[in-house]
Amino acid sequence: ETFAKVYDDFMDNIPYEQWAEYVIGLLREDG
């Protein structure tokens, strides 16, 4: 609820780019 307003600020340490690359790699491995 309240945390949603600042979620991205406090979670800026998550390397979403790398996480996405990993997930995309798994999807593409499956065609």
PDB file of all heavy atoms in Angstrom:
ATOM      1  N   GLU A   1       0.846  -1.186   0.000  1.00  0.00           N
ATOM      2  CA  GLU A   1       0.000   0.000   0.000  1.00  0.00           C
ATOM      3  C   GLU A   1       0.887   1.243   0.000  1.00  0.00           C
ATOM      4  O   GLU A   1       1.286   1.713  -1.058  1.00  0.00           O
ATOM      5  CB  GLU A   1      -0.957  -0.043   1.192  1.00  0.00           C
ATOM      6  CG  GLU A   1      -1.928  -1.230   1.106  1.00  0.00           C
ATOM      7  CD  GLU A   1      -2.805  -1.381   2.330  1.00  0.00           C
ATOM      8  OE1 GLU A   1      -2.654  -0.580   3.273  1.00  0.00           O
ATOM      9  OE2 GLU A   1      -3.641  -2.296   2.346  1.00  0.00           O
ATOM     10  N   THR A   2       1.228   1.747   1.175  1.00  0.00           N
ATOM     11  CA  THR A   2       2.097   2.921   1.229  1.00  0.00           C
ATOM     12  C   THR A   2       3.450   2.635   0.593  1.00  0.00           C
ATOM     13  O   THR A   2       4.018   3.488  -0.104  1.00  0.00           O
ATOM     14  CB  THR A   2       2.294   3.364   2.692  1.00  0.00           C
ATOM     15  OG1 THR A   2       1.019   3.607   3.281  1.00  0.00           O
ATOM     16  CG2 THR A   2       3.131   4.640   2.758  1.00  0.00           C
ATOM     17  N   PHE A   3       3.983   1.441   0.803  1.00  0.00           N
ATOM     18  CA  PHE A   3       5.302   1.100   0.274  1.00  0.00           C
ATOM     19  C   PHE A   3       5.345   1.180  -1.246  1.00  0.00           C
ATOM     20  O   PHE A   3       6.403   1.400  -1.839  1.00  0.00           O
ATOM     21  CB  PHE A   3       5.708  -0.295   0.756  1.00  0.00           C
ATOM     22  CG  PHE A   3       7.151  -0.638   0.472  1.00  0.00           C
ATOM     23  CD1 PHE A   3       8.159   0.291   0.666  1.00  0.00           C
ATOM     24  CD2 PHE A   3       7.488  -1.900   0.025  1.00  0.00           C
ATOM     25  CE1 PHE A   3       9.486  -0.025   0.415  1.00  0.00           C
ATOM     26  CE2 PHE A   3       8.819  -2.230  -0.226  1.00  0.00           C
ATOM     27  CZ  PHE A   3       9.816  -1.292  -0.041  1.00  0.00           C
ATOM     28  N   ALA A   4       4.194   1.011  -1.888  1.00  0.00           N
ATOM     29  CA  ALA A   4       4.151   1.075  -3.353  1.00  0.00           C
ATOM     30  C   ALA A   4       4.676   2.413  -3.862  1.00  0.00           C
ATOM     31  O   ALA A   4       5.320   2.479  -4.911  1.00  0.00           O
ATOM     32  CB  ALA A   4       2.724   0.844  -3.842  1.00  0.00           C
ATOM     33  N   LYS A   5       4.434   3.485  -3.109  1.00  0.00           N
ATOM     34  CA  LYS A   5       4.838   4.820  -3.551  1.00  0.00           C
ATOM     35  C   LYS A   5       6.354   4.956  -3.646  1.00  0.00           C
ATOM     36  O   LYS A   5       6.856   5.751  -4.449  1.00  0.00           O
ATOM     37  CB  LYS A   5       4.297   5.874  -2.574  1.00  0.00           C
ATOM     38  CG  LYS A   5       2.787   5.877  -2.422  1.00  0.00           C
ATOM     39  CD  LYS A   5       2.357   6.863  -1.341  1.00  0.00           C
ATOM     40  CE  LYS A   5       0.857   6.789  -1.085  1.00  0.00           C
ATOM     41  NZ  LYS A   5       0.453   7.689   0.032  1.00  0.00           N
ATOM     42  N   VAL A   6       7.085   4.210  -2.826  1.00  0.00           N
ATOM     43  CA  VAL A   6       8.549   4.341  -2.800  1.00  0.00           C
ATOM     44  C   VAL A   6       9.233   3.027  -3.141  1.00  0.00           C
ATOM     45  O   VAL A   6      10.440   2.893  -2.974  1.00  0.00           O
ATOM     46  CB  VAL A   6       9.014   4.834  -1.409  1.00  0.00           C
ATOM     47  CG1 VAL A   6       8.543   6.267  -1.163  1.00  0.00           C
ATOM     48  CG2 VAL A   6       8.522   3.909  -0.291  1.00  0.00           C
ATOM     49  N   TYR A   7       8.470   2.052  -3.625  1.00  0.00           N
ATOM     50  CA  TYR A   7       9.008   0.719  -3.904  1.00  0.00           C
ATOM     51  C   TYR A   7      10.189   0.782  -4.860  1.00  0.00           C
ATOM     52  O   TYR A   7      11.256   0.211  -4.603  1.00  0.00           O
ATOM     53  CB  TYR A   7       7.907  -0.170  -4.484  1.00  0.00           C
ATOM     54  CG  TYR A   7       8.341  -1.593  -4.761  1.00  0.00           C
ATOM     55  CD1 TYR A   7       8.301  -2.548  -3.754  1.00  0.00           C
ATOM     56  CD2 TYR A   7       8.777  -1.970  -6.035  1.00  0.00           C
ATOM     57  CE1 TYR A   7       8.702  -3.858  -4.008  1.00  0.00           C
ATOM     58  CE2 TYR A   7       9.172  -3.278  -6.290  1.00  0.00           C
ATOM     59  CZ  TYR A   7       9.130  -4.216  -5.274  1.00  0.00           C
ATOM     60  OH  TYR A   7       9.528  -5.506  -5.526  1.00  0.00           O
ATOM     61  N   ASP A   8      10.035   1.482  -5.973  1.00  0.00           N
ATOM     62  CA  ASP A   8      11.110   1.540  -6.961  1.00  0.00           C
ATOM     63  C   ASP A   8      12.339   2.256  -6.410  1.00  0.00           C
ATOM     64  O   ASP A   8      13.472   1.936  -6.780  1.00  0.00           O
ATOM     65  CB  ASP A   8      10.622   2.230  -8.234  1.00  0.00           C
ATOM     66  CG  ASP A   8       9.701   1.337  -9.054  1.00  0.00           C
ATOM     67  OD1 ASP A   8       9.741   0.103  -8.870  1.00  0.00           O
ATOM     68  OD2 ASP A   8       8.927   1.873  -9.874  1.00  0.00           O
ATOM     69  N   ASP A   9      12.133   3.232  -5.522  1.00  0.00           N
ATOM     70  CA  ASP A   9      13.275   3.934  -4.919  1.00  0.00           C
ATOM     71  C   ASP A   9      14.106   2.999  -4.049  1.00  0.00           C
ATOM     72  O   ASP A   9      15.334   2.959  -4.144  1.00  0.00           O
ATOM     73  CB  ASP A   9      12.786   5.121  -4.077  1.00  0.00           C
ATOM     74  CG  ASP A   9      12.143   6.202  -4.920  1.00  0.00           C
ATOM     75  OD1 ASP A   9      12.742   6.602  -5.928  1.00  0.00           O
ATOM     76  OD2 ASP A   9      11.039   6.639  -4.562  1.00  0.00           O
ATOM     77  N   PHE A  10      13.425   2.236  -3.202  1.00  0.00           N
ATOM     78  CA  PHE A  10      14.145   1.359  -2.287  1.00  0.00           C
ATOM     79  C   PHE A  10      14.633   0.071  -2.957  1.00  0.00           C
ATOM     80  O   PHE A  10      15.529  -0.588  -2.441  1.00  0.00           O
ATOM     81  CB  PHE A  10      13.265   1.014  -1.084  1.00  0.00           C
ATOM     82  CG  PHE A  10      13.190   2.116  -0.062  1.00  0.00           C
ATOM     83  CD1 PHE A  10      11.964   2.636   0.335  1.00  0.00           C
ATOM     84  CD2 PHE A  10      14.331   2.649   0.500  1.00  0.00           C
ATOM     85  CE1 PHE A  10      11.878   3.651   1.270  1.00  0.00           C
ATOM     86  CE2 PHE A  10      14.270   3.669   1.438  1.00  0.00           C
ATOM     87  CZ  PHE A  10      13.043   4.174   1.829  1.00  0.00           C
ATOM     88  N   MET A  11      14.041  -0.292  -4.094  1.00  0.00           N
ATOM     89  CA  MET A  11      14.438  -1.519  -4.777  1.00  0.00           C
ATOM     90  C   MET A  11      15.367  -1.247  -5.959  1.00  0.00           C
ATOM     91  O   MET A  11      15.526  -2.087  -6.839  1.00  0.00           O
ATOM     92  CB  MET A  11      13.188  -2.268  -5.265  1.00  0.00           C
ATOM     93  CG  MET A  11      12.221  -2.636  -4.159  1.00  0.00           C
ATOM     94  SD  MET A  11      12.909  -3.752  -2.924  1.00  0.00           S
ATOM     95  CE  MET A  11      12.744  -5.307  -3.776  1.00  0.00           C
ATOM     96  N   ASP A  12      15.997  -0.074  -5.967  1.00  0.00           N
ATOM     97  CA  ASP A  12      16.871   0.268  -7.093  1.00  0.00           C
ATOM     98  C   ASP A  12      18.164  -0.538  -7.099  1.00  0.00           C
ATOM     99  O   ASP A  12      18.978  -0.429  -8.020  1.00  0.00           O
ATOM    100  CB  ASP A  12      17.178   1.769  -7.117  1.00  0.00           C
ATOM    101  CG  ASP A  12      17.891   2.255  -5.858  1.00  0.00           C
ATOM    102  OD1 ASP A  12      18.186   1.432  -4.966  1.00  0.00           O
ATOM    103  OD2 ASP A  12      18.146   3.475  -5.769  1.00  0.00           O
ATOM    104  N   ASN A  13      18.349  -1.371  -6.070  1.00  0.00           N
ATOM    105  CA  ASN A  13      19.522  -2.256  -6.050  1.00  0.00           C
ATOM    106  C   ASN A  13      19.267  -3.556  -6.816  1.00  0.00           C
ATOM    107  O   ASN A  13      20.200  -4.340  -7.028  1.00  0.00           O
ATOM    108  CB  ASN A  13      19.918  -2.588  -4.606  1.00  0.00           C
ATOM    109  CG  ASN A  13      18.813  -3.325  -3.858  1.00  0.00           C
ATOM    110  OD1 ASN A  13      17.635  -3.059  -4.074  1.00  0.00           O
ATOM    111  ND2 ASN A  13      19.186  -4.250  -2.982  1.00  0.00           N
ATOM    112  N   ILE A  14      18.035  -3.792  -7.234  1.00  0.00           N
ATOM    113  CA  ILE A  14      17.731  -5.008  -7.997  1.00  0.00           C
ATOM    114  C   ILE A  14      18.135  -4.791  -9.455  1.00  0.00           C
ATOM    115  O   ILE A  14      17.660  -3.848 -10.096  1.00  0.00           O
ATOM    116  CB  ILE A  14      16.233  -5.358  -7.921  1.00  0.00           C
ATOM    117  CG1 ILE A  14      15.875  -5.797  -6.498  1.00  0.00           C
ATOM    118  CG2 ILE A  14      15.892  -6.474  -8.905  1.00  0.00           C
ATOM    119  CD1 ILE A  14      14.438  -6.211  -6.317  1.00  0.00           C
ATOM    120  N   PRO A  15      19.007  -5.633  -9.989  1.00  0.00           N
ATOM    121  CA  PRO A  15      19.452  -5.479 -11.380  1.00  0.00           C
ATOM    122  C   PRO A  15      18.413  -6.050 -12.345  1.00  0.00           C
ATOM    123  O   PRO A  15      18.588  -7.130 -12.924  1.00  0.00           O
ATOM    124  CB  PRO A  15      20.762  -6.271 -11.404  1.00  0.00           C
ATOM    125  CG  PRO A  15      20.566  -7.348 -10.384  1.00  0.00           C
ATOM    126  CD  PRO A  15      19.704  -6.741  -9.307  1.00  0.00           C
ATOM    127  N   TYR A  16      17.316  -5.322 -12.525  1.00  0.00           N
ATOM    128  CA  TYR A  16      16.223  -5.828 -13.357  1.00  0.00           C
ATOM    129  C   TYR A  16      16.681  -6.172 -14.770  1.00  0.00           C
ATOM    130  O   TYR A  16      16.151  -7.089 -15.396  1.00  0.00           O
ATOM    131  CB  TYR A  16      15.083  -4.809 -13.410  1.00  0.00           C
ATOM    132  CG  TYR A  16      14.201  -4.817 -12.187  1.00  0.00           C
ATOM    133  CD1 TYR A  16      14.217  -3.749 -11.289  1.00  0.00           C
ATOM    134  CD2 TYR A  16      13.353  -5.887 -11.922  1.00  0.00           C
ATOM    135  CE1 TYR A  16      13.407  -3.757 -10.158  1.00  0.00           C
ATOM    136  CE2 TYR A  16      12.533  -5.892 -10.795  1.00  0.00           C
ATOM    137  CZ  TYR A  16      12.567  -4.827  -9.922  1.00  0.00           C
ATOM    138  OH  TYR A  16      11.770  -4.834  -8.797  1.00  0.00           O
ATOM    139  N   GLU A  17      17.662  -5.421 -15.278  1.00  0.00           N
ATOM    140  CA  GLU A  17      18.173  -5.696 -16.624  1.00  0.00           C
ATOM    141  C   GLU A  17      18.743  -7.108 -16.696  1.00  0.00           C
ATOM    142  O   GLU A  17      18.440  -7.878 -17.626  1.00  0.00           O
ATOM    143  CB  GLU A  17      19.247  -4.673 -16.999  1.00  0.00           C
ATOM    144  CG  GLU A  17      19.637  -4.683 -18.460  1.00  0.00           C
ATOM    145  CD  GLU A  17      18.563  -4.090 -19.358  1.00  0.00           C
ATOM    146  OE1 GLU A  17      17.959  -3.066 -18.982  1.00  0.00           O
ATOM    147  OE2 GLU A  17      18.342  -4.677 -20.442  1.00  0.00           O
ATOM    148  N   GLN A  18      19.540  -7.472 -15.702  1.00  0.00           N
ATOM    149  CA  GLN A  18      20.147  -8.807 -15.682  1.00  0.00           C
ATOM    150  C   GLN A  18      19.086  -9.879 -15.416  1.00  0.00           C
ATOM    151  O   GLN A  18      19.132 -10.964 -16.019  1.00  0.00           O
ATOM    152  CB  GLN A  18      21.251  -8.871 -14.628  1.00  0.00           C
ATOM    153  CG  GLN A  18      22.430  -7.968 -14.944  1.00  0.00           C
ATOM    154  CD  GLN A  18      23.458  -7.941 -13.825  1.00  0.00           C
ATOM    155  OE1 GLN A  18      23.154  -8.265 -12.675  1.00  0.00           O
ATOM    156  NE2 GLN A  18      24.667  -7.540 -14.147  1.00  0.00           N
ATOM    157  N   TRP A  19      18.147  -9.584 -14.521  1.00  0.00           N
ATOM    158  CA  TRP A  19      17.084 -10.549 -14.227  1.00  0.00           C
ATOM    159  C   TRP A  19      16.263 -10.804 -15.487  1.00  0.00           C
ATOM    160  O   TRP A  19      15.915 -11.952 -15.795  1.00  0.00           O
ATOM    161  CB  TRP A  19      16.186 -10.011 -13.110  1.00  0.00           C
ATOM    162  CG  TRP A  19      16.801 -10.064 -11.749  1.00  0.00           C
ATOM    163  CD1 TRP A  19      18.139 -10.006 -11.444  1.00  0.00           C
ATOM    164  CD2 TRP A  19      16.116 -10.154 -10.501  1.00  0.00           C
ATOM    165  NE1 TRP A  19      18.320 -10.048 -10.086  1.00  0.00           N
ATOM    166  CE2 TRP A  19      17.108 -10.138  -9.483  1.00  0.00           C
ATOM    167  CE3 TRP A  19      14.783 -10.230 -10.140  1.00  0.00           C
ATOM    168  CZ2 TRP A  19      16.781 -10.217  -8.128  1.00  0.00           C
ATOM    169  CZ3 TRP A  19      14.445 -10.298  -8.780  1.00  0.00           C
ATOM    170  CH2 TRP A  19      15.440 -10.297  -7.799  1.00  0.00           C
ATOM    171  N   ALA A  20      15.976  -9.729 -16.227  1.00  0.00           N
ATOM    172  CA  ALA A  20      15.193  -9.872 -17.454  1.00  0.00           C
ATOM    173  C   ALA A  20      15.964 -10.678 -18.491  1.00  0.00           C
ATOM    174  O   ALA A  20      15.392 -11.536 -19.174  1.00  0.00           O
ATOM    175  CB  ALA A  20      14.841  -8.498 -18.017  1.00  0.00           C
ATOM    176  N   GLU A  21      17.259 -10.442 -18.617  1.00  0.00           N
ATOM    177  CA  GLU A  21      18.081 -11.191 -19.568  1.00  0.00           C
ATOM    178  C   GLU A  21      18.038 -12.683 -19.261  1.00  0.00           C
ATOM    179  O   GLU A  21      17.973 -13.519 -20.169  1.00  0.00           O
ATOM    180  CB  GLU A  21      19.517 -10.685 -19.535  1.00  0.00           C
ATOM    181  CG  GLU A  21      19.723  -9.327 -20.194  1.00  0.00           C
ATOM    182  CD  GLU A  21      21.156  -8.848 -20.105  1.00  0.00           C
ATOM    183  OE1 GLU A  21      22.019  -9.633 -19.633  1.00  0.00           O
ATOM    184  OE2 GLU A  21      21.425  -7.692 -20.494  1.00  0.00           O
ATOM    185  N   TYR A  22      18.076 -13.007 -17.989  1.00  0.00           N
ATOM    186  CA  TYR A  22      18.039 -14.413 -17.582  1.00  0.00           C
ATOM    187  C   TYR A  22      16.697 -15.046 -17.960  1.00  0.00           C
ATOM    188  O   TYR A  22      16.657 -16.133 -18.547  1.00  0.00           O
ATOM    189  CB  TYR A  22      18.270 -14.511 -16.077  1.00  0.00           C
ATOM    190  CG  TYR A  22      18.290 -15.922 -15.537  1.00  0.00           C
ATOM    191  CD1 TYR A  22      19.367 -16.765 -15.774  1.00  0.00           C
ATOM    192  CD2 TYR A  22      17.234 -16.408 -14.770  1.00  0.00           C
ATOM    193  CE1 TYR A  22      19.399 -18.056 -15.277  1.00  0.00           C
ATOM    194  CE2 TYR A  22      17.250 -17.698 -14.268  1.00  0.00           C
ATOM    195  CZ  TYR A  22      18.339 -18.510 -14.515  1.00  0.00           C
ATOM    196  OH  TYR A  22      18.351 -19.796 -14.021  1.00  0.00           O
ATOM    197  N   VAL A  23      15.610 -14.367 -17.635  1.00  0.00           N
ATOM    198  CA  VAL A  23      14.270 -14.886 -17.944  1.00  0.00           C
ATOM    199  C   VAL A  23      14.070 -14.981 -19.454  1.00  0.00           C
ATOM    200  O   VAL A  23      13.547 -15.985 -19.963  1.00  0.00           O
ATOM    201  CB  VAL A  23      13.188 -13.997 -17.292  1.00  0.00           C
ATOM    202  CG1 VAL A  23      11.796 -14.391 -17.784  1.00  0.00           C
ATOM    203  CG2 VAL A  23      13.258 -14.099 -15.770  1.00  0.00           C
ATOM    204  N   ILE A  24      14.479 -13.942 -20.179  1.00  0.00           N
ATOM    205  CA  ILE A  24      14.348 -13.952 -21.637  1.00  0.00           C
ATOM    206  C   ILE A  24      15.154 -15.103 -22.231  1.00  0.00           C
ATOM    207  O   ILE A  24      14.708 -15.774 -23.164  1.00  0.00           O
ATOM    208  CB  ILE A  24      14.788 -12.597 -22.226  1.00  0.00           C
ATOM    209  CG1 ILE A  24      13.770 -11.514 -21.847  1.00  0.00           C
ATOM    210  CG2 ILE A  24      14.924 -12.683 -23.753  1.00  0.00           C
ATOM    211  CD1 ILE A  24      14.257 -10.098 -22.089  1.00  0.00           C
ATOM    212  N   GLY A  25      16.343 -15.341 -21.678  1.00  0.00           N
ATOM    213  CA  GLY A  25      17.152 -16.458 -22.146  1.00  0.00           C
ATOM    214  C   GLY A  25      16.447 -17.789 -21.972  1.00  0.00           C
ATOM    215  O   GLY A  25      16.487 -18.649 -22.870  1.00  0.00           O
ATOM    216  N   LEU A  26      15.769 -17.971 -20.846  1.00  0.00           N
ATOM    217  CA  LEU A  26      15.032 -19.218 -20.605  1.00  0.00           C
ATOM    218  C   LEU A  26      13.852 -19.348 -21.562  1.00  0.00           C
ATOM    219  O   LEU A  26      13.570 -20.443 -22.069  1.00  0.00           O
ATOM    220  CB  LEU A  26      14.547 -19.263 -19.155  1.00  0.00           C
ATOM    221  CG  LEU A  26      15.637 -19.361 -18.079  1.00  0.00           C
ATOM    222  CD1 LEU A  26      15.020 -19.267 -16.681  1.00  0.00           C
ATOM    223  CD2 LEU A  26      16.426 -20.658 -18.207  1.00  0.00           C
ATOM    224  N   LEU A  27      13.167 -18.240 -21.821  1.00  0.00           N
ATOM    225  CA  LEU A  27      12.051 -18.269 -22.768  1.00  0.00           C
ATOM    226  C   LEU A  27      12.541 -18.631 -24.168  1.00  0.00           C
ATOM    227  O   LEU A  27      11.957 -19.476 -24.856  1.00  0.00           O
ATOM    228  CB  LEU A  27      11.348 -16.916 -22.800  1.00  0.00           C
ATOM    229  CG  LEU A  27      10.498 -16.534 -21.576  1.00  0.00           C
ATOM    230  CD1 LEU A  27      10.106 -15.068 -21.639  1.00  0.00           C
ATOM    231  CD2 LEU A  27       9.252 -17.406 -21.480  1.00  0.00           C
ATOM    232  N   ARG A  28      13.626 -18.007 -24.583  1.00  0.00           N
ATOM    233  CA  ARG A  28      14.132 -18.243 -25.936  1.00  0.00           C
ATOM    234  C   ARG A  28      14.696 -19.651 -26.096  1.00  0.00           C
ATOM    235  O   ARG A  28      14.609 -20.236 -27.187  1.00  0.00           O
ATOM    236  CB  ARG A  28      15.181 -17.189 -26.279  1.00  0.00           C
ATOM    237  CG  ARG A  28      14.555 -15.808 -26.499  1.00  0.00           C
ATOM    238  CD  ARG A  28      15.582 -14.736 -26.769  1.00  0.00           C
ATOM    239  NE  ARG A  28      14.932 -13.461 -27.084  1.00  0.00           N
ATOM    240  CZ  ARG A  28      15.580 -12.317 -27.217  1.00  0.00           C
ATOM    241  NH1 ARG A  28      16.898 -12.261 -27.058  1.00  0.00           N
ATOM    242  NH2 ARG A  28      14.913 -11.211 -27.511  1.00  0.00           N
ATOM    243  N   GLU A  29      15.272 -20.187 -25.042  1.00  0.00           N
ATOM    244  CA  GLU A  29      15.739 -21.572 -25.102  1.00  0.00           C
ATOM    245  C   GLU A  29      14.588 -22.520 -25.398  1.00  0.00           C
ATOM    246  O   GLU A  29      14.781 -23.591 -25.972  1.00  0.00           O
ATOM    247  CB  GLU A  29      16.407 -21.973 -23.775  1.00  0.00           C
ATOM    248  CG  GLU A  29      17.829 -21.504 -23.641  1.00  0.00           C
ATOM    249  CD  GLU A  29      18.478 -22.032 -22.365  1.00  0.00           C
ATOM    250  OE1 GLU A  29      17.890 -22.934 -21.722  1.00  0.00           O
ATOM    251  OE2 GLU A  29      19.554 -21.535 -22.012  1.00  0.00           O
ATOM    252  N   ASP A  30      13.403 -22.102 -24.996  1.00  0.00           N
ATOM    253  CA  ASP A  30      12.218 -22.920 -25.239  1.00  0.00           C
ATOM    254  C   ASP A  30      11.532 -22.540 -26.546  1.00  0.00           C
ATOM    255  O   ASP A  30      10.421 -22.995 -26.816  1.00  0.00           O
ATOM    256  CB  ASP A  30      11.236 -22.759 -24.072  1.00  0.00           C
ATOM    257  CG  ASP A  30      10.398 -24.009 -23.845  1.00  0.00           C
ATOM    258  OD1 ASP A  30      10.959 -25.030 -23.436  1.00  0.00           O
ATOM    259  OD2 ASP A  30       9.186 -23.952 -24.112  1.00  0.00           O
ATOM    260  N   GLY A  31      12.183 -21.698 -27.333  1.00  0.00           N
ATOM    261  CA  GLY A  31      11.631 -21.313 -28.625  1.00  0.00           C
ATOM    262  C   GLY A  31      10.615 -20.199 -28.576  1.00  0.00           C
ATOM    263  O   GLY A  31       9.909 -19.940 -29.557  1.00  0.00           O
TER     264      GLY A  31
END
